[in-house]
Amino acid sequence: MGRSSGFQSGDLPDAALHVLLALVRPRHGYAVMQFLEQESAGTIVLGPASLYTTLKKLAGAGLIEELDGDDARRVYHLTTEGREVLVRNIERRRQLLAMADHIMEDA
């Protein structure tokens, strides 16, 4: 039996978590790329193919949706479920970091 996708289980890969963070405010794809690069001081750089694949998977999982608008650019935002999954993933990573700190202190 195969493992379920993180997009379905809510256990997101880093790139998906980054995109959800960027979509706390509605943004179009290029703005997501710019935001992540700027906020991470250049350490998070998503190319267009990775970004749009991730956006498609997040939308398919119901975590983001496209806003209606007149602009030629597609603008996305978090759904209620997307915000809940984002918060759970942040908490899970906080717990991991706390565990890592504890282990490294004892080493």
N, C-alpha and C. Protein backbone atom coordinates (compact mmCIF):
# COMPACT_ATOMS: atom_id res chain seq x y z
N MET A 1 0.84 -1.17 0.00
CA MET A 1 0.00 0.00 0.00
C MET A 1 0.89 1.24 0.00
N GLY A 2 0.62 2.20 -0.89
CA GLY A 2 1.44 3.38 -1.01
C GLY A 2 1.16 4.41 0.08
N ARG A 3 2.13 5.22 0.33
CA ARG A 3 2.01 6.29 1.30
C ARG A 3 1.17 7.42 0.70
N SER A 4 0.32 8.04 1.50
CA SER A 4 -0.49 9.13 0.96
C SER A 4 0.36 10.38 0.79
N SER A 5 -0.06 11.21 -0.13
CA SER A 5 0.63 12.46 -0.40
C SER A 5 0.52 13.38 0.79
N GLY A 6 1.58 14.13 1.04
CA GLY A 6 1.55 15.13 2.10
C GLY A 6 0.48 16.17 1.85
N PHE A 7 0.14 16.39 0.61
CA PHE A 7 -0.89 17.36 0.29
C PHE A 7 -2.26 16.87 0.74
N GLN A 8 -2.44 15.58 0.79
CA GLN A 8 -3.70 15.01 1.26
C GLN A 8 -3.69 14.78 2.76
N SER A 9 -2.55 14.38 3.30
CA SER A 9 -2.46 14.08 4.73
C SER A 9 -2.25 15.33 5.58
N GLY A 10 -1.79 16.41 4.95
CA GLY A 10 -1.51 17.64 5.69
C GLY A 10 -0.08 17.73 6.19
N ASP A 11 0.72 16.70 5.94
CA ASP A 11 2.13 16.69 6.32
C ASP A 11 2.93 17.23 5.13
N LEU A 12 3.05 18.54 5.06
CA LEU A 12 3.52 19.19 3.84
C LEU A 12 5.04 19.20 3.69
N PRO A 13 5.50 19.08 2.45
CA PRO A 13 6.92 19.31 2.18
C PRO A 13 7.25 20.80 2.36
N ASP A 14 8.52 21.10 2.53
CA ASP A 14 8.93 22.47 2.79
C ASP A 14 8.44 23.46 1.73
N ALA A 15 8.56 23.12 0.46
CA ALA A 15 8.15 24.05 -0.59
C ALA A 15 6.68 24.42 -0.45
N ALA A 16 5.84 23.46 -0.13
CA ALA A 16 4.41 23.74 0.03
C ALA A 16 4.17 24.63 1.25
N LEU A 17 4.90 24.38 2.32
CA LEU A 17 4.78 25.22 3.52
C LEU A 17 5.21 26.65 3.19
N HIS A 18 6.28 26.80 2.45
CA HIS A 18 6.73 28.14 2.05
C HIS A 18 5.66 28.87 1.26
N VAL A 19 5.05 28.17 0.31
CA VAL A 19 4.01 28.80 -0.52
C VAL A 19 2.82 29.18 0.33
N LEU A 20 2.39 28.31 1.25
CA LEU A 20 1.28 28.67 2.13
C LEU A 20 1.61 29.90 2.96
N LEU A 21 2.83 29.98 3.46
CA LEU A 21 3.23 31.17 4.22
C LEU A 21 3.11 32.43 3.37
N ALA A 22 3.53 32.34 2.12
CA ALA A 22 3.46 33.49 1.22
C ALA A 22 2.01 33.88 0.94
N LEU A 23 1.11 32.90 1.01
CA LEU A 23 -0.29 33.17 0.67
C LEU A 23 -1.14 33.52 1.88
N VAL A 24 -0.49 33.84 3.00
CA VAL A 24 -1.24 34.39 4.13
C VAL A 24 -1.94 35.67 3.66
N ARG A 25 -1.31 36.36 2.73
CA ARG A 25 -1.93 37.48 2.00
C ARG A 25 -2.09 37.03 0.55
N PRO A 26 -3.20 37.37 -0.09
CA PRO A 26 -3.37 36.96 -1.49
C PRO A 26 -2.24 37.48 -2.37
N ARG A 27 -1.75 36.60 -3.24
CA ARG A 27 -0.66 36.96 -4.15
C ARG A 27 -0.79 36.15 -5.44
N HIS A 28 -0.24 36.71 -6.50
CA HIS A 28 -0.11 35.94 -7.74
C HIS A 28 1.23 35.22 -7.70
N GLY A 29 1.42 34.28 -8.62
CA GLY A 29 2.58 33.41 -8.59
C GLY A 29 3.92 34.12 -8.54
N TYR A 30 4.12 35.08 -9.41
CA TYR A 30 5.40 35.77 -9.44
C TYR A 30 5.63 36.50 -8.11
N ALA A 31 4.57 37.07 -7.54
CA ALA A 31 4.69 37.76 -6.25
C ALA A 31 5.06 36.77 -5.14
N VAL A 32 4.57 35.54 -5.23
CA VAL A 32 4.94 34.50 -4.25
C VAL A 32 6.45 34.26 -4.32
N MET A 33 6.96 34.09 -5.54
CA MET A 33 8.40 33.85 -5.71
C MET A 33 9.21 35.01 -5.14
N GLN A 34 8.82 36.24 -5.44
CA GLN A 34 9.53 37.42 -4.96
C GLN A 34 9.47 37.52 -3.43
N PHE A 35 8.28 37.29 -2.88
CA PHE A 35 8.09 37.37 -1.43
C PHE A 35 8.99 36.38 -0.71
N LEU A 36 9.00 35.14 -1.16
CA LEU A 36 9.81 34.12 -0.49
C LEU A 36 11.29 34.42 -0.57
N GLU A 37 11.73 34.86 -1.73
CA GLU A 37 13.15 35.19 -1.88
C GLU A 37 13.53 36.37 -0.98
N GLN A 38 12.67 37.38 -0.94
CA GLN A 38 12.94 38.56 -0.12
C GLN A 38 12.90 38.22 1.37
N GLU A 39 11.87 37.54 1.83
CA GLU A 39 11.72 37.24 3.25
C GLU A 39 12.80 36.28 3.76
N SER A 40 13.33 35.45 2.88
CA SER A 40 14.36 34.49 3.29
C SER A 40 15.77 34.99 3.02
N ALA A 41 15.89 36.24 2.63
CA ALA A 41 17.20 36.82 2.27
C ALA A 41 17.90 35.99 1.20
N GLY A 42 17.10 35.49 0.27
CA GLY A 42 17.65 34.77 -0.87
C GLY A 42 17.89 33.29 -0.67
N THR A 43 17.53 32.75 0.49
CA THR A 43 17.78 31.32 0.72
C THR A 43 16.66 30.43 0.19
N ILE A 44 15.49 31.00 -0.04
CA ILE A 44 14.39 30.22 -0.63
C ILE A 44 14.11 30.80 -2.00
N VAL A 45 14.46 30.02 -3.01
CA VAL A 45 14.23 30.43 -4.39
C VAL A 45 13.46 29.31 -5.07
N LEU A 46 12.21 29.58 -5.42
CA LEU A 46 11.39 28.61 -6.14
C LEU A 46 11.33 29.03 -7.60
N GLY A 47 11.64 28.10 -8.48
CA GLY A 47 11.50 28.37 -9.90
C GLY A 47 10.04 28.27 -10.31
N PRO A 48 9.70 28.80 -11.47
CA PRO A 48 8.31 28.78 -11.93
C PRO A 48 7.71 27.37 -12.00
N ALA A 49 8.45 26.41 -12.49
CA ALA A 49 7.90 25.05 -12.61
C ALA A 49 7.57 24.47 -11.24
N SER A 50 8.47 24.62 -10.29
CA SER A 50 8.22 24.12 -8.93
C SER A 50 7.06 24.86 -8.29
N LEU A 51 7.04 26.17 -8.44
CA LEU A 51 5.99 26.98 -7.84
C LEU A 51 4.62 26.58 -8.38
N TYR A 52 4.48 26.53 -9.70
CA TYR A 52 3.16 26.28 -10.27
C TYR A 52 2.71 24.84 -10.06
N THR A 53 3.64 23.91 -9.98
CA THR A 53 3.29 22.53 -9.62
C THR A 53 2.77 22.50 -8.18
N THR A 54 3.45 23.21 -7.29
CA THR A 54 3.04 23.26 -5.89
C THR A 54 1.68 23.95 -5.76
N LEU A 55 1.47 25.06 -6.47
CA LEU A 55 0.18 25.74 -6.42
C LEU A 55 -0.94 24.81 -6.88
N LYS A 56 -0.69 24.06 -7.94
CA LYS A 56 -1.70 23.14 -8.45
C LYS A 56 -2.04 22.06 -7.41
N LYS A 57 -1.02 21.53 -6.76
CA LYS A 57 -1.25 20.49 -5.74
C LYS A 57 -1.97 21.06 -4.53
N LEU A 58 -1.59 22.26 -4.10
CA LEU A 58 -2.26 22.88 -2.96
C LEU A 58 -3.72 23.17 -3.28
N ALA A 59 -3.98 23.64 -4.49
CA ALA A 59 -5.37 23.89 -4.90
C ALA A 59 -6.16 22.58 -4.97
N GLY A 60 -5.54 21.54 -5.51
CA GLY A 60 -6.20 20.24 -5.61
C GLY A 60 -6.55 19.65 -4.25
N ALA A 61 -5.74 20.00 -3.23
CA ALA A 61 -5.98 19.52 -1.87
C ALA A 61 -6.94 20.44 -1.11
N GLY A 62 -7.37 21.52 -1.75
CA GLY A 62 -8.31 22.44 -1.10
C GLY A 62 -7.67 23.37 -0.09
N LEU A 63 -6.34 23.53 -0.16
CA LEU A 63 -5.64 24.37 0.81
C LEU A 63 -5.52 25.82 0.35
N ILE A 64 -5.62 26.03 -0.95
CA ILE A 64 -5.64 27.38 -1.51
C ILE A 64 -6.72 27.41 -2.59
N GLU A 65 -7.11 28.62 -2.95
CA GLU A 65 -8.02 28.77 -4.09
C GLU A 65 -7.69 30.05 -4.82
N GLU A 66 -8.11 30.06 -6.05
CA GLU A 66 -7.87 31.21 -6.90
C GLU A 66 -8.99 32.23 -6.68
N LEU A 67 -8.61 33.49 -6.56
CA LEU A 67 -9.59 34.56 -6.42
C LEU A 67 -10.11 34.98 -7.78
N ASP A 68 -11.35 35.36 -7.84
CA ASP A 68 -11.90 35.92 -9.07
C ASP A 68 -11.38 37.33 -9.21
N GLY A 69 -11.06 37.70 -10.43
CA GLY A 69 -10.57 39.06 -10.64
C GLY A 69 -10.43 39.38 -12.10
N ASP A 70 -10.20 40.65 -12.35
CA ASP A 70 -10.07 41.15 -13.73
C ASP A 70 -8.65 41.01 -14.24
N ASP A 71 -7.71 40.92 -13.33
CA ASP A 71 -6.29 40.89 -13.69
C ASP A 71 -5.97 39.63 -14.50
N ALA A 72 -5.02 39.75 -15.40
CA ALA A 72 -4.60 38.60 -16.19
C ALA A 72 -3.84 37.59 -15.32
N ARG A 73 -3.33 38.03 -14.19
CA ARG A 73 -2.58 37.15 -13.30
C ARG A 73 -3.54 36.42 -12.37
N ARG A 74 -3.21 35.17 -12.09
CA ARG A 74 -4.01 34.39 -11.16
C ARG A 74 -3.57 34.71 -9.73
N VAL A 75 -4.50 35.11 -8.92
CA VAL A 75 -4.22 35.46 -7.53
C VAL A 75 -4.79 34.35 -6.65
N TYR A 76 -3.97 33.88 -5.73
CA TYR A 76 -4.34 32.77 -4.85
C TYR A 76 -4.39 33.24 -3.41
N HIS A 77 -5.17 32.52 -2.60
CA HIS A 77 -5.20 32.79 -1.16
C HIS A 77 -5.50 31.50 -0.42
N LEU A 78 -5.18 31.51 0.88
CA LEU A 78 -5.42 30.34 1.72
C LEU A 78 -6.92 30.13 1.93
N THR A 79 -7.32 28.88 1.97
CA THR A 79 -8.65 28.55 2.43
C THR A 79 -8.59 28.41 3.95
N THR A 80 -9.73 28.25 4.57
CA THR A 80 -9.75 28.02 6.02
C THR A 80 -8.97 26.77 6.35
N GLU A 81 -9.16 25.72 5.57
CA GLU A 81 -8.41 24.47 5.80
C GLU A 81 -6.92 24.69 5.58
N GLY A 82 -6.57 25.48 4.58
CA GLY A 82 -5.17 25.77 4.31
C GLY A 82 -4.49 26.47 5.47
N ARG A 83 -5.20 27.40 6.09
CA ARG A 83 -4.65 28.11 7.26
C ARG A 83 -4.46 27.13 8.42
N GLU A 84 -5.43 26.23 8.63
CA GLU A 84 -5.32 25.24 9.71
C GLU A 84 -4.13 24.30 9.47
N VAL A 85 -3.97 23.85 8.24
CA VAL A 85 -2.84 22.96 7.90
C VAL A 85 -1.52 23.71 8.08
N LEU A 86 -1.48 24.96 7.69
CA LEU A 86 -0.27 25.77 7.87
C LEU A 86 0.09 25.86 9.35
N VAL A 87 -0.86 26.17 10.19
CA VAL A 87 -0.60 26.29 11.63
C VAL A 87 -0.11 24.96 12.20
N ARG A 88 -0.74 23.84 11.80
CA ARG A 88 -0.30 22.52 12.29
C ARG A 88 1.13 22.22 11.85
N ASN A 89 1.48 22.55 10.62
CA ASN A 89 2.83 22.30 10.12
C ASN A 89 3.86 23.15 10.83
N ILE A 90 3.52 24.40 11.13
CA ILE A 90 4.43 25.26 11.86
C ILE A 90 4.66 24.68 13.26
N GLU A 91 3.60 24.26 13.92
CA GLU A 91 3.73 23.69 15.27
C GLU A 91 4.56 22.41 15.24
N ARG A 92 4.34 21.58 14.24
CA ARG A 92 5.11 20.33 14.13
C ARG A 92 6.60 20.65 13.96
N ARG A 93 6.92 21.64 13.17
CA ARG A 93 8.31 22.03 12.98
C ARG A 93 8.90 22.66 14.25
N ARG A 94 8.10 23.41 14.98
CA ARG A 94 8.57 23.95 16.27
C ARG A 94 8.94 22.81 17.22
N GLN A 95 8.10 21.79 17.26
CA GLN A 95 8.38 20.64 18.12
C GLN A 95 9.66 19.93 17.69
N LEU A 96 9.85 19.81 16.39
CA LEU A 96 11.08 19.19 15.87
C LEU A 96 12.30 19.99 16.29
N LEU A 97 12.23 21.31 16.16
CA LEU A 97 13.36 22.16 16.54
C LEU A 97 13.63 22.09 18.04
N ALA A 98 12.58 22.05 18.84
CA ALA A 98 12.76 21.92 20.29
C ALA A 98 13.45 20.59 20.62
N MET A 99 13.03 19.53 19.95
CA MET A 99 13.66 18.23 20.17
C MET A 99 15.12 18.27 19.73
N ALA A 100 15.39 18.88 18.59
CA ALA A 100 16.76 18.99 18.09
C ALA A 100 17.63 19.78 19.07
N ASP A 101 17.09 20.89 19.58
CA ASP A 101 17.85 21.67 20.56
C ASP A 101 18.18 20.83 21.78
N HIS A 102 17.20 20.09 22.28
CA HIS A 102 17.40 19.24 23.46
C HIS A 102 18.47 18.19 23.20
N ILE A 103 18.38 17.55 22.06
CA ILE A 103 19.36 16.49 21.71
C ILE A 103 20.75 17.09 21.58
N MET A 104 20.87 18.23 20.93
CA MET A 104 22.18 18.85 20.72
C MET A 104 22.78 19.36 22.03
N GLU A 105 21.94 19.78 22.97
CA GLU A 105 22.46 20.21 24.27
C GLU A 105 23.10 19.05 25.02
N ASP A 106 22.55 17.85 24.83
CA ASP A 106 23.06 16.66 25.53
C ASP A 106 24.26 16.05 24.82
N ALA A 107 24.54 16.50 23.61
CA ALA A 107 25.62 15.87 22.83
C ALA A 107 26.98 16.43 23.19
